[in-house]
Protein backbone atom coordinates (compact mmCIF):
# COMPACT_ATOMS: atom_id res chain seq x y z
CA UNK A 1 -37.27 -41.43 -105.54
CA UNK A 2 -33.60 -40.44 -105.73
CA UNK A 3 -34.58 -37.00 -107.08
CA UNK A 4 -36.98 -36.47 -104.17
CA UNK A 5 -34.31 -37.43 -101.63
CA UNK A 6 -31.85 -35.06 -103.33
CA UNK A 7 -34.23 -32.12 -103.02
CA UNK A 8 -35.01 -32.93 -99.37
CA UNK A 9 -31.28 -32.96 -98.57
CA UNK A 10 -30.75 -29.75 -100.55
CA UNK A 11 -33.52 -27.95 -98.68
CA UNK A 12 -32.12 -29.20 -95.36
CA UNK A 13 -28.64 -27.93 -96.19
CA UNK A 14 -29.99 -24.56 -97.32
CA UNK A 15 -31.97 -24.16 -94.10
CA UNK A 16 -28.92 -25.12 -92.05
CA UNK A 17 -26.78 -22.56 -93.89
CA UNK A 18 -29.43 -19.89 -93.34
CA UNK A 19 -29.40 -20.61 -89.60
CA UNK A 20 -25.62 -20.36 -89.35
CA UNK A 21 -24.31 -16.94 -88.31
CA UNK A 22 -21.05 -15.94 -89.98
CA UNK A 23 -18.31 -14.35 -87.86
CA UNK A 24 -16.99 -11.96 -90.53
CA UNK A 25 -15.13 -8.63 -90.49
CA UNK A 26 -17.68 -7.18 -88.07
CA UNK A 27 -17.11 -9.97 -85.56
CA UNK A 28 -14.38 -11.71 -83.60
CA UNK A 29 -14.26 -14.94 -81.60
CA UNK A 30 -11.45 -15.76 -79.17
CA UNK A 31 -11.14 -19.14 -77.47
CA UNK A 32 -8.49 -20.16 -74.94
CA UNK A 33 -7.85 -23.82 -74.17
CA UNK A 34 -6.49 -24.03 -70.62
CA UNK A 35 -5.07 -27.57 -70.84
CA UNK A 36 -3.18 -26.88 -74.05
CA UNK A 37 -2.44 -23.18 -73.30
CA UNK A 38 -3.54 -22.39 -76.86
CA UNK A 39 -5.71 -19.80 -78.58
CA UNK A 40 -8.17 -20.12 -81.45
CA UNK A 41 -9.02 -16.75 -82.98
CA UNK A 42 -11.44 -15.68 -85.69
CA UNK A 43 -10.49 -12.24 -87.07
CA UNK A 44 -7.12 -11.62 -85.38
CA UNK A 45 -6.98 -7.84 -85.84
CA UNK A 46 -10.39 -7.26 -84.29
CA UNK A 47 -9.54 -9.61 -81.41
CA UNK A 48 -7.05 -7.03 -80.14
CA UNK A 49 -9.25 -3.97 -80.72
CA UNK A 50 -10.35 -2.36 -77.47
CA UNK A 51 -14.06 -1.58 -77.22
CA UNK A 52 -16.51 -0.61 -74.49
CA UNK A 53 -17.28 -3.63 -72.29
CA UNK A 54 -20.85 -2.54 -71.59
CA UNK A 55 -22.51 -5.07 -69.26
CA UNK A 56 -19.69 -7.59 -69.41
CA UNK A 57 -18.19 -5.21 -66.84
CA UNK A 58 -20.70 -6.63 -64.39
CA UNK A 59 -18.15 -9.42 -63.95
CA UNK A 60 -15.43 -7.27 -62.30
CA UNK A 61 -18.06 -5.00 -60.74
CA UNK A 62 -19.63 -8.00 -58.98
CA UNK A 63 -16.26 -9.41 -57.93
CA UNK A 64 -15.17 -6.11 -56.38
CA UNK A 65 -18.51 -5.63 -54.61
CA UNK A 66 -18.38 -9.13 -53.11
CA UNK A 67 -14.71 -8.84 -52.15
CA UNK A 68 -15.20 -5.49 -50.39
CA UNK A 69 -18.46 -6.48 -48.70
CA UNK A 70 -20.47 -3.86 -50.59
CA UNK A 71 -22.64 -6.88 -51.40
CA UNK A 72 -22.59 -9.01 -48.26
CA UNK A 73 -24.40 -12.13 -49.46
CA UNK A 74 -26.09 -13.68 -52.49
CA UNK A 75 -29.45 -13.14 -50.76
CA UNK A 76 -29.03 -9.42 -50.04
CA UNK A 77 -31.77 -7.38 -51.71
CA UNK A 78 -30.24 -4.66 -53.87
CA UNK A 79 -31.86 -1.47 -55.06
CA UNK A 80 -30.75 2.00 -56.20
CA UNK A 81 -31.50 5.71 -55.96
CA UNK A 82 -34.65 6.04 -58.10
CA UNK A 83 -34.37 9.83 -58.23
CA UNK A 84 -30.78 9.73 -59.48
CA UNK A 85 -31.62 6.99 -62.00
CA UNK A 86 -35.26 7.49 -63.07
CA UNK A 87 -36.73 4.59 -65.02
CA UNK A 88 -36.41 4.89 -68.80
CA UNK A 89 -39.05 3.74 -71.27
CA UNK A 90 -36.77 1.06 -72.67
CA UNK A 91 -35.92 -0.47 -69.26
CA UNK A 92 -37.23 -3.98 -68.51
CA UNK A 93 -39.62 -3.82 -65.55
CA UNK A 94 -37.48 -6.33 -63.62
CA UNK A 95 -34.85 -3.60 -63.23
CA UNK A 96 -37.05 -1.33 -61.11
CA UNK A 97 -40.21 -3.06 -59.90
CA UNK A 98 -38.58 -4.53 -56.76
CA UNK A 99 -35.14 -5.11 -55.16
CA UNK A 100 -33.07 -7.94 -56.62
CA UNK A 101 -30.44 -10.31 -55.20
CA UNK A 102 -27.09 -10.09 -56.94
CA UNK A 103 -27.56 -13.16 -59.16
CA UNK A 104 -30.86 -11.82 -60.53
CA UNK A 105 -29.34 -8.35 -61.01
CA UNK A 106 -26.39 -9.91 -62.87
CA UNK A 107 -28.43 -12.27 -65.05
CA UNK A 108 -30.96 -9.55 -65.92
CA UNK A 109 -28.21 -6.97 -66.51
CA UNK A 110 -29.83 -4.48 -64.15
CA UNK A 111 -27.89 -1.33 -65.07
CA UNK A 112 -29.14 1.04 -62.32
CA UNK A 113 -28.39 -1.46 -59.55
CA UNK A 114 -24.85 -1.84 -60.85
CA UNK A 115 -24.46 1.91 -61.16
CA UNK A 116 -25.41 2.14 -57.49
CA UNK A 117 -22.89 -0.60 -56.64
CA UNK A 118 -20.15 1.28 -58.50
CA UNK A 119 -20.94 4.46 -56.55
CA UNK A 120 -20.68 2.53 -53.29
CA UNK A 121 -17.34 1.05 -54.33
CA UNK A 122 -16.08 4.54 -55.21
CA UNK A 123 -13.56 5.73 -57.78
CA UNK A 124 -10.45 5.15 -55.67
CA UNK A 125 -11.18 1.52 -54.82
CA UNK A 126 -12.57 0.80 -58.29
CA UNK A 127 -9.42 2.15 -59.94
CA UNK A 128 -7.18 0.19 -57.60
CA UNK A 129 -8.92 -3.11 -58.35
CA UNK A 130 -8.92 -2.56 -62.12
CA UNK A 131 -5.19 -1.84 -61.98
CA UNK A 132 -4.63 -5.05 -60.03
CA UNK A 133 -6.85 -6.93 -62.48
CA UNK A 134 -5.00 -5.33 -65.43
CA UNK A 135 -8.47 -4.89 -66.93
CA UNK A 136 -8.29 -3.33 -70.42
CA UNK A 137 -7.13 0.28 -70.41
CA UNK A 138 -8.21 0.66 -66.73
CA UNK A 139 -9.64 4.13 -67.51
CA UNK A 140 -12.61 5.15 -65.33
CA UNK A 141 -12.32 8.90 -65.89
CA UNK A 142 -15.68 9.31 -67.63
CA UNK A 143 -17.54 8.77 -64.34
CA UNK A 144 -17.54 6.06 -61.68
CA UNK A 145 -21.15 5.07 -62.41
CA UNK A 146 -20.92 4.99 -66.22
CA UNK A 147 -17.35 4.50 -67.48
CA UNK A 148 -18.16 1.00 -68.81
CA UNK A 149 -21.24 2.15 -70.76
CA UNK A 150 -19.65 3.45 -73.97
CA UNK A 151 -17.37 5.56 -71.79
CA UNK A 152 -13.65 5.75 -71.11
CA UNK A 153 -13.09 2.07 -70.23
CA UNK A 154 -12.10 -0.16 -73.17
CA UNK A 155 -11.10 -3.81 -73.42
CA UNK A 156 -10.39 -6.23 -76.27
CA UNK A 157 -11.83 -9.71 -76.78
CA UNK A 158 -8.42 -11.28 -76.13
CA UNK A 159 -8.07 -9.26 -72.92
CA UNK A 160 -11.53 -10.39 -71.82
CA UNK A 161 -10.46 -14.02 -72.27
CA UNK A 162 -7.21 -13.53 -70.37
CA UNK A 163 -9.08 -11.79 -67.55
CA UNK A 164 -11.52 -14.71 -67.28
CA UNK A 165 -8.63 -17.16 -67.24
CA UNK A 166 -6.93 -15.31 -64.38
CA UNK A 167 -10.23 -15.14 -62.52
CA UNK A 168 -11.19 -18.82 -62.73
CA UNK A 169 -7.65 -20.07 -62.15
CA UNK A 170 -7.38 -18.07 -58.93
CA UNK A 171 -4.82 -15.53 -60.13
CA UNK A 172 -6.80 -12.40 -59.25
CA UNK A 173 -6.44 -10.64 -55.88
CA UNK A 174 -9.85 -11.68 -54.54
CA UNK A 175 -10.60 -14.18 -51.79
CA UNK A 176 -11.53 -17.80 -52.45
CA UNK A 177 -14.91 -17.10 -50.84
CA UNK A 178 -15.49 -14.24 -53.28
CA UNK A 179 -14.68 -16.50 -56.24
CA UNK A 180 -16.96 -19.28 -54.98
CA UNK A 181 -19.87 -16.87 -54.54
CA UNK A 182 -19.20 -15.23 -57.88
CA UNK A 183 -19.32 -18.55 -59.74
CA UNK A 184 -22.85 -19.07 -58.39
CA UNK A 185 -23.79 -15.65 -59.78
CA UNK A 186 -22.34 -16.26 -63.26
CA UNK A 187 -23.53 -19.86 -63.87
CA UNK A 188 -26.09 -19.95 -66.72
CA UNK A 189 -26.17 -23.60 -67.79
CA UNK A 190 -25.21 -26.95 -66.27
CA UNK A 191 -25.33 -30.34 -67.98
CA UNK A 192 -23.84 -33.76 -67.25
CA UNK A 193 -20.72 -32.83 -69.24
CA UNK A 194 -20.10 -29.10 -68.65
CA UNK A 195 -20.91 -25.92 -66.78
CA UNK A 196 -21.31 -22.68 -68.73
CA UNK A 197 -20.62 -19.36 -67.02
CA UNK A 198 -21.38 -16.36 -69.23
CA UNK A 199 -22.34 -12.71 -69.51
CA UNK A 200 -23.86 -10.65 -72.28
CA UNK A 201 -23.13 -7.00 -72.95
CA UNK A 202 -23.87 -4.43 -75.56
CA UNK A 203 -25.32 -1.10 -76.52
CA UNK A 204 -25.40 1.68 -79.05
CA UNK A 205 -22.02 3.26 -79.83
CA UNK A 206 -23.44 5.90 -82.16
CA UNK A 207 -26.48 6.31 -84.40
CA UNK A 208 -26.67 3.28 -86.70
CA UNK A 209 -23.82 1.45 -84.93
CA UNK A 210 -24.22 -0.96 -82.01
CA UNK A 211 -21.87 -3.41 -80.29
CA UNK A 212 -22.68 -6.78 -78.76
CA UNK A 213 -20.64 -9.04 -76.45
CA UNK A 214 -20.94 -12.58 -75.14
CA UNK A 215 -18.10 -13.86 -72.97
CA UNK A 216 -17.66 -16.77 -70.62
CA UNK A 217 -16.14 -20.01 -69.41
CA UNK A 218 -16.97 -23.64 -70.17
CA UNK A 219 -15.82 -26.03 -67.42
CA UNK A 220 -15.74 -29.77 -68.04
CA UNK A 221 -14.08 -32.62 -66.14
CA UNK A 222 -11.24 -32.71 -68.64
CA UNK A 223 -10.64 -29.04 -69.42
CA UNK A 224 -11.63 -25.39 -69.10
CA UNK A 225 -12.19 -23.07 -72.08
CA UNK A 226 -12.49 -19.29 -71.99
CA UNK A 227 -14.22 -17.41 -74.82
CA UNK A 228 -15.29 -13.99 -76.01
CA UNK A 229 -17.35 -12.80 -78.96
CA UNK A 230 -18.03 -9.23 -80.00
CA UNK A 231 -20.00 -8.14 -83.05
CA UNK A 232 -21.19 -4.96 -84.75
CA UNK A 233 -24.67 -4.23 -85.97
CA UNK A 234 -26.90 -1.35 -87.00
CA UNK A 235 -29.06 -1.66 -83.87
CA UNK A 236 -28.76 -3.13 -80.39
CA UNK A 237 -31.64 -5.48 -81.15
CA UNK A 238 -29.69 -6.89 -84.08
CA UNK A 239 -26.59 -7.71 -82.03
CA UNK A 240 -28.70 -8.84 -79.09
CA UNK A 241 -30.16 -11.64 -81.22
CA UNK A 242 -26.87 -12.69 -82.82
CA UNK A 243 -24.19 -12.59 -80.11
CA UNK A 244 -25.12 -15.75 -78.16
CA UNK A 245 -25.94 -17.67 -81.34
CA UNK A 246 -22.55 -16.89 -82.89
CA UNK A 247 -20.73 -17.81 -79.69
CA UNK A 248 -22.50 -21.13 -79.30
CA UNK A 249 -21.96 -22.04 -82.95
CA UNK A 250 -18.25 -21.36 -82.60
CA UNK A 251 -18.05 -23.32 -79.33
CA UNK A 252 -19.80 -26.25 -81.00
CA UNK A 253 -17.56 -25.99 -84.05
CA UNK A 254 -14.45 -26.37 -81.89
CA UNK A 255 -15.89 -29.17 -79.78
CA UNK A 256 -16.29 -27.19 -76.56
CA UNK A 257 -20.08 -27.66 -76.29
């Protein structure tokens, strides 16, 4: 009987280990505890390495659009120039089959809609906001509708966390109405004990090398935590599967979720 129990426990532990995603040299996790003003960092050197934000840039892009009135309400139906941005074979149909309100465009990472938003914001206003936000290297020179997609704009995981902290603590130069609307856009999970606001991002950097992001905020009654994960992989599909899992495991490990 004891031998049988031993093997059941062994198999359980092996399965648990197999399900756990390691945050190794190709990964970093940064966590900021607002109440204690402290950081927890996995892989310090990578935490300060600037990389393309990919679709995590939808956070500042949405903020700027709401603050300027480029997007006038959460119910406004958003579309894009279909000739300028013809549908690609790899695009999800939700990106192009019909107009989307901003929350749906954000949650579904609708790239062409956000490219259209960036064009409407324009390079001058975009650059001014990113300077005020102190967002990464603030470099939009590779094109106003693509600088965040493996282009000139770069930001580190630690900078992502500090940006989120400034945003949710009201330190960015956007109106309180903009922030309130934005929080509705970014909310992905709500329980009795916390609210999770988050955004994925990622894409191919070069052949055989892809980057994945998952960043966000966990609000509870007692505290607020800000986090960022980025990971490398051989394909986008690989990092797409791992990024949220790694983030949640780290958040659970440190008692945030």
